[in-house]
Amino acid sequence: MSEEVRELSEDQTGADAGTQDAVLLFVGGPLDGRVEIREARHGEPLPTITHVHLHGGPKVVHRYDLTPLGPQAGVYHLRPRQAVRDQVRDESVAD
């Protein structure tokens, strides 16, 4: 077994890898129904995810907020559009 492969398997099963992967479900918007497995090595799931859809027209931005369901599970809910507009407006005023 090569040294690189051995290091990877030790990282995944060693004492430092005591946390488990997180199962994350997306509800609403273009990611509705998507299930993502976030590997423990990436750390805790982010509190907000921004999804940007690029196509022939203007870019479309959706934000998802995390609702934890336990130590290894959570649901990302689509943030309502009005809340996104208010946040963008607040950020532009702060500059």
Foldseek 3Di string as FASTA:
>chain_A
DDPVVVVVVCVCPPPVQPAAWAWEAEPDDPRHGDIDTHGCVVPDDDQKDWDWDDDPDDIDIWMWGWDDPDRRYIYTYTDDPVVVVVVVVVVVVVD
